[in-house]
């Protein structure tokens, strides 16, 4: 019985670090190149990825409506990215 309790506590101790990290965010790991106009026309919105959460790089994540929803990770410093962002404010 004591061995069973000891094994259970050891198992919990091993699992704790992975539980403490929480869930992984769906972060951009690299920037995409400027897409063709066909793709730009299918962009339906965007969200900002900030570095204050679990992600390491700032990004503008565009949502592209195709057969399945896709994400386009973009550098917020690029002019084409800023122009596409303005499209959704007007």
N, C-alpha and C. Protein backbone atom coordinates (compact mmCIF):
# COMPACT_ATOMS: atom_id res chain seq x y z
N UNK A 1 0.82 -1.20 0.00
CA UNK A 1 0.00 0.00 0.00
C UNK A 1 0.87 1.26 0.00
N UNK A 2 1.90 1.28 0.84
CA UNK A 2 2.79 2.44 0.89
C UNK A 2 3.53 2.61 -0.43
N UNK A 3 3.88 1.50 -1.04
CA UNK A 3 4.58 1.57 -2.33
C UNK A 3 3.66 2.16 -3.40
N UNK A 4 2.41 1.80 -3.36
CA UNK A 4 1.43 2.31 -4.33
C UNK A 4 1.26 3.83 -4.16
N UNK A 5 1.16 4.29 -2.94
CA UNK A 5 1.03 5.73 -2.66
C UNK A 5 2.30 6.46 -3.09
N UNK A 6 3.45 5.88 -2.82
CA UNK A 6 4.72 6.48 -3.20
C UNK A 6 4.83 6.60 -4.72
N UNK A 7 4.44 5.57 -5.43
CA UNK A 7 4.46 5.60 -6.90
C UNK A 7 3.50 6.67 -7.43
N UNK A 8 2.34 6.78 -6.82
CA UNK A 8 1.37 7.78 -7.24
C UNK A 8 1.92 9.19 -7.03
N UNK A 9 2.54 9.44 -5.90
CA UNK A 9 3.12 10.76 -5.62
C UNK A 9 4.27 11.06 -6.58
N UNK A 10 5.05 10.05 -6.89
CA UNK A 10 6.14 10.23 -7.84
C UNK A 10 5.60 10.57 -9.23
N UNK A 11 4.54 9.91 -9.61
CA UNK A 11 3.90 10.20 -10.89
C UNK A 11 3.38 11.64 -10.94
N UNK A 12 2.74 12.08 -9.87
CA UNK A 12 2.25 13.46 -9.81
C UNK A 12 3.39 14.47 -9.89
N UNK A 13 4.48 14.16 -9.20
CA UNK A 13 5.64 15.06 -9.22
C UNK A 13 6.23 15.18 -10.62
N UNK A 14 6.20 14.09 -11.37
CA UNK A 14 6.72 14.12 -12.74
C UNK A 14 5.79 14.88 -13.68
N UNK A 15 4.50 14.80 -13.43
CA UNK A 15 3.52 15.46 -14.29
C UNK A 15 3.38 16.95 -13.99
N UNK A 16 3.70 17.39 -12.81
CA UNK A 16 3.48 18.77 -12.40
C UNK A 16 4.15 19.80 -13.31
N UNK A 17 5.43 19.65 -13.69
CA UNK A 17 6.03 20.69 -14.55
C UNK A 17 5.29 20.87 -15.87
N UNK A 18 4.81 19.80 -16.46
CA UNK A 18 4.10 19.94 -17.73
C UNK A 18 2.73 20.57 -17.53
N UNK A 19 2.09 20.32 -16.41
CA UNK A 19 0.80 20.94 -16.12
C UNK A 19 0.96 22.42 -15.78
N UNK A 20 2.06 22.76 -15.14
CA UNK A 20 2.28 24.14 -14.71
C UNK A 20 2.50 25.08 -15.90
N UNK A 21 2.97 24.54 -17.02
CA UNK A 21 3.21 25.38 -18.19
C UNK A 21 1.92 25.81 -18.85
N UNK A 22 0.84 25.15 -18.59
CA UNK A 22 -0.44 25.52 -19.19
C UNK A 22 -0.55 25.03 -20.61
N UNK A 23 -1.54 25.53 -21.29
CA UNK A 23 -1.75 25.09 -22.67
C UNK A 23 -0.86 25.90 -23.60
N UNK A 24 -0.48 25.27 -24.68
CA UNK A 24 0.34 25.96 -25.67
C UNK A 24 -0.56 26.79 -26.57
N UNK A 25 -0.12 27.98 -26.86
CA UNK A 25 -0.87 28.84 -27.77
C UNK A 25 -0.50 28.45 -29.20
N UNK A 26 -1.35 28.80 -30.10
CA UNK A 26 -1.10 28.56 -31.51
C UNK A 26 -0.34 29.77 -32.04
N UNK A 27 0.98 29.74 -31.93
CA UNK A 27 1.82 30.89 -32.26
C UNK A 27 2.44 30.77 -33.64
N UNK A 28 2.66 31.92 -34.25
CA UNK A 28 3.43 31.97 -35.50
C UNK A 28 4.90 31.79 -35.15
N UNK A 29 5.58 30.96 -35.91
CA UNK A 29 7.00 30.73 -35.69
C UNK A 29 7.86 31.40 -36.75
N UNK A 30 7.24 31.75 -37.88
CA UNK A 30 7.95 32.49 -38.93
C UNK A 30 6.94 33.29 -39.73
N UNK A 31 7.44 34.30 -40.44
CA UNK A 31 6.59 35.15 -41.25
C UNK A 31 6.43 34.57 -42.65
N UNK A 32 5.26 34.77 -43.22
CA UNK A 32 5.00 34.37 -44.61
C UNK A 32 5.44 35.49 -45.54
N UNK A 33 5.70 35.11 -46.77
CA UNK A 33 5.98 36.11 -47.80
C UNK A 33 4.66 36.76 -48.20
N UNK A 34 4.77 37.87 -48.92
CA UNK A 34 3.56 38.54 -49.39
C UNK A 34 2.78 37.61 -50.31
N UNK A 35 1.50 37.39 -50.01
CA UNK A 35 0.72 36.47 -50.85
C UNK A 35 0.29 37.11 -52.16
N UNK A 36 -0.10 36.26 -53.10
CA UNK A 36 -0.62 36.75 -54.37
C UNK A 36 -1.96 37.43 -54.15
N UNK A 37 -2.38 38.22 -55.12
CA UNK A 37 -3.63 38.97 -55.02
C UNK A 37 -4.83 38.05 -54.81
N UNK A 38 -4.81 36.86 -55.41
CA UNK A 38 -5.91 35.90 -55.25
C UNK A 38 -6.12 35.57 -53.77
N UNK A 39 -5.03 35.38 -53.06
CA UNK A 39 -5.10 35.05 -51.63
C UNK A 39 -5.54 36.28 -50.84
N UNK A 40 -5.00 37.44 -51.18
CA UNK A 40 -5.35 38.67 -50.46
C UNK A 40 -6.85 38.93 -50.52
N UNK A 41 -7.48 38.61 -51.64
CA UNK A 41 -8.92 38.83 -51.79
C UNK A 41 -9.74 37.92 -50.89
N UNK A 42 -9.15 36.82 -50.45
CA UNK A 42 -9.87 35.86 -49.61
C UNK A 42 -9.64 36.08 -48.11
N UNK A 43 -8.88 37.11 -47.77
CA UNK A 43 -8.64 37.41 -46.35
C UNK A 43 -9.91 38.00 -45.76
N UNK A 44 -10.34 37.43 -44.65
CA UNK A 44 -11.60 37.86 -44.03
C UNK A 44 -11.40 38.63 -42.72
N UNK A 45 -10.20 38.65 -42.20
CA UNK A 45 -9.95 39.35 -40.95
C UNK A 45 -8.54 39.07 -40.47
N UNK A 46 -8.23 39.59 -39.31
CA UNK A 46 -6.91 39.36 -38.73
C UNK A 46 -6.96 39.49 -37.22
N UNK A 47 -5.92 39.00 -36.58
CA UNK A 47 -5.72 39.22 -35.14
C UNK A 47 -4.25 39.52 -34.93
N UNK A 48 -3.96 40.18 -33.84
CA UNK A 48 -2.58 40.52 -33.51
C UNK A 48 -2.01 39.49 -32.55
N UNK A 49 -0.82 39.03 -32.85
CA UNK A 49 -0.09 38.14 -31.95
C UNK A 49 0.93 38.99 -31.22
N UNK A 50 0.84 39.03 -29.92
CA UNK A 50 1.77 39.84 -29.12
C UNK A 50 2.78 38.93 -28.44
N UNK A 51 3.86 39.53 -27.99
CA UNK A 51 4.91 38.75 -27.35
C UNK A 51 4.73 38.65 -25.84
N UNK A 52 3.68 39.23 -25.30
CA UNK A 52 3.50 39.20 -23.84
C UNK A 52 2.88 37.90 -23.34
N UNK A 53 2.40 37.07 -24.23
CA UNK A 53 1.82 35.78 -23.83
C UNK A 53 2.84 34.68 -24.00
N UNK A 54 2.42 33.59 -24.59
CA UNK A 54 3.32 32.47 -24.80
C UNK A 54 4.04 32.51 -26.13
N UNK A 55 3.83 33.54 -26.92
CA UNK A 55 4.43 33.63 -28.25
C UNK A 55 5.68 34.51 -28.21
N UNK A 56 6.66 34.18 -29.04
CA UNK A 56 7.95 34.86 -28.99
C UNK A 56 8.13 35.98 -30.00
N UNK A 57 7.22 36.11 -30.95
CA UNK A 57 7.40 37.14 -31.96
C UNK A 57 6.08 37.85 -32.26
N UNK A 58 6.14 39.16 -32.51
CA UNK A 58 4.91 39.87 -32.87
C UNK A 58 4.51 39.49 -34.29
N UNK A 59 3.22 39.41 -34.54
CA UNK A 59 2.75 39.07 -35.88
C UNK A 59 1.33 39.56 -36.08
N UNK A 60 0.98 39.76 -37.33
CA UNK A 60 -0.40 39.98 -37.73
C UNK A 60 -0.82 38.67 -38.38
N UNK A 61 -1.84 38.04 -37.82
CA UNK A 61 -2.28 36.73 -38.31
C UNK A 61 -3.57 36.94 -39.09
N UNK A 62 -3.46 36.86 -40.41
CA UNK A 62 -4.62 37.03 -41.27
C UNK A 62 -5.36 35.71 -41.40
N UNK A 63 -6.69 35.79 -41.46
CA UNK A 63 -7.53 34.62 -41.67
C UNK A 63 -7.90 34.58 -43.15
N UNK A 64 -7.60 33.46 -43.78
CA UNK A 64 -7.88 33.29 -45.21
C UNK A 64 -8.98 32.26 -45.36
N UNK A 65 -10.07 32.65 -46.01
CA UNK A 65 -11.20 31.74 -46.22
C UNK A 65 -10.98 30.98 -47.52
N UNK A 66 -10.67 29.72 -47.39
CA UNK A 66 -10.54 28.82 -48.53
C UNK A 66 -11.41 27.62 -48.25
N UNK A 67 -11.07 26.48 -48.80
CA UNK A 67 -11.85 25.27 -48.51
C UNK A 67 -11.85 25.01 -47.01
N UNK A 68 -10.72 25.26 -46.38
CA UNK A 68 -10.66 25.26 -44.92
C UNK A 68 -9.99 26.57 -44.50
N UNK A 69 -10.29 27.00 -43.32
CA UNK A 69 -9.74 28.28 -42.84
C UNK A 69 -8.23 28.12 -42.64
N UNK A 70 -7.48 29.05 -43.18
CA UNK A 70 -6.03 29.04 -43.04
C UNK A 70 -5.58 30.33 -42.38
N UNK A 71 -4.39 30.27 -41.81
CA UNK A 71 -3.81 31.46 -41.19
C UNK A 71 -2.56 31.86 -41.95
N UNK A 72 -2.35 33.16 -42.04
CA UNK A 72 -1.20 33.71 -42.72
C UNK A 72 -0.46 34.59 -41.71
N UNK A 73 0.69 34.14 -41.27
CA UNK A 73 1.48 34.88 -40.28
C UNK A 73 2.32 35.93 -41.00
N UNK A 74 2.18 37.18 -40.57
CA UNK A 74 2.81 38.28 -41.30
C UNK A 74 3.56 39.21 -40.37
N UNK A 75 4.61 39.82 -40.92
CA UNK A 75 5.43 40.77 -40.17
C UNK A 75 4.69 42.11 -40.09
N UNK A 76 4.37 42.59 -38.89
CA UNK A 76 3.62 43.85 -38.76
C UNK A 76 4.38 45.07 -39.28
N UNK A 77 5.69 44.95 -39.52
CA UNK A 77 6.47 46.08 -40.01
C UNK A 77 6.40 46.23 -41.53
N UNK A 78 5.91 45.20 -42.22
CA UNK A 78 5.84 45.23 -43.68
C UNK A 78 4.70 46.13 -44.15
N UNK A 79 4.95 46.88 -45.20
CA UNK A 79 3.96 47.82 -45.73
C UNK A 79 2.71 47.10 -46.23
N UNK A 80 2.86 45.97 -46.89
CA UNK A 80 1.69 45.26 -47.42
C UNK A 80 0.80 44.77 -46.29
N UNK A 81 1.40 44.44 -45.16
CA UNK A 81 0.63 44.00 -43.99
C UNK A 81 -0.17 45.17 -43.43
N UNK A 82 0.47 46.31 -43.30
CA UNK A 82 -0.20 47.51 -42.78
C UNK A 82 -1.34 47.94 -43.70
N UNK A 83 -1.14 47.84 -45.01
CA UNK A 83 -2.19 48.20 -45.96
C UNK A 83 -3.39 47.26 -45.84
N UNK A 84 -3.13 45.97 -45.67
CA UNK A 84 -4.23 45.02 -45.50
C UNK A 84 -4.98 45.27 -44.19
N UNK A 85 -4.26 45.64 -43.15
CA UNK A 85 -4.92 45.95 -41.88
C UNK A 85 -5.87 47.13 -42.04
N UNK A 86 -5.43 48.15 -42.76
CA UNK A 86 -6.27 49.34 -42.98
C UNK A 86 -7.56 48.98 -43.69
N UNK A 87 -7.51 48.00 -44.56
CA UNK A 87 -8.69 47.57 -45.30
C UNK A 87 -9.82 47.17 -44.35
N UNK A 88 -9.49 46.61 -43.22
CA UNK A 88 -10.51 46.14 -42.28
C UNK A 88 -10.99 47.23 -41.33
N UNK A 89 -10.32 48.38 -41.31
CA UNK A 89 -10.77 49.50 -40.49
C UNK A 89 -11.69 50.42 -41.27
N UNK A 90 -11.67 50.34 -42.58
CA UNK A 90 -12.51 51.22 -43.42
C UNK A 90 -13.80 50.55 -43.80
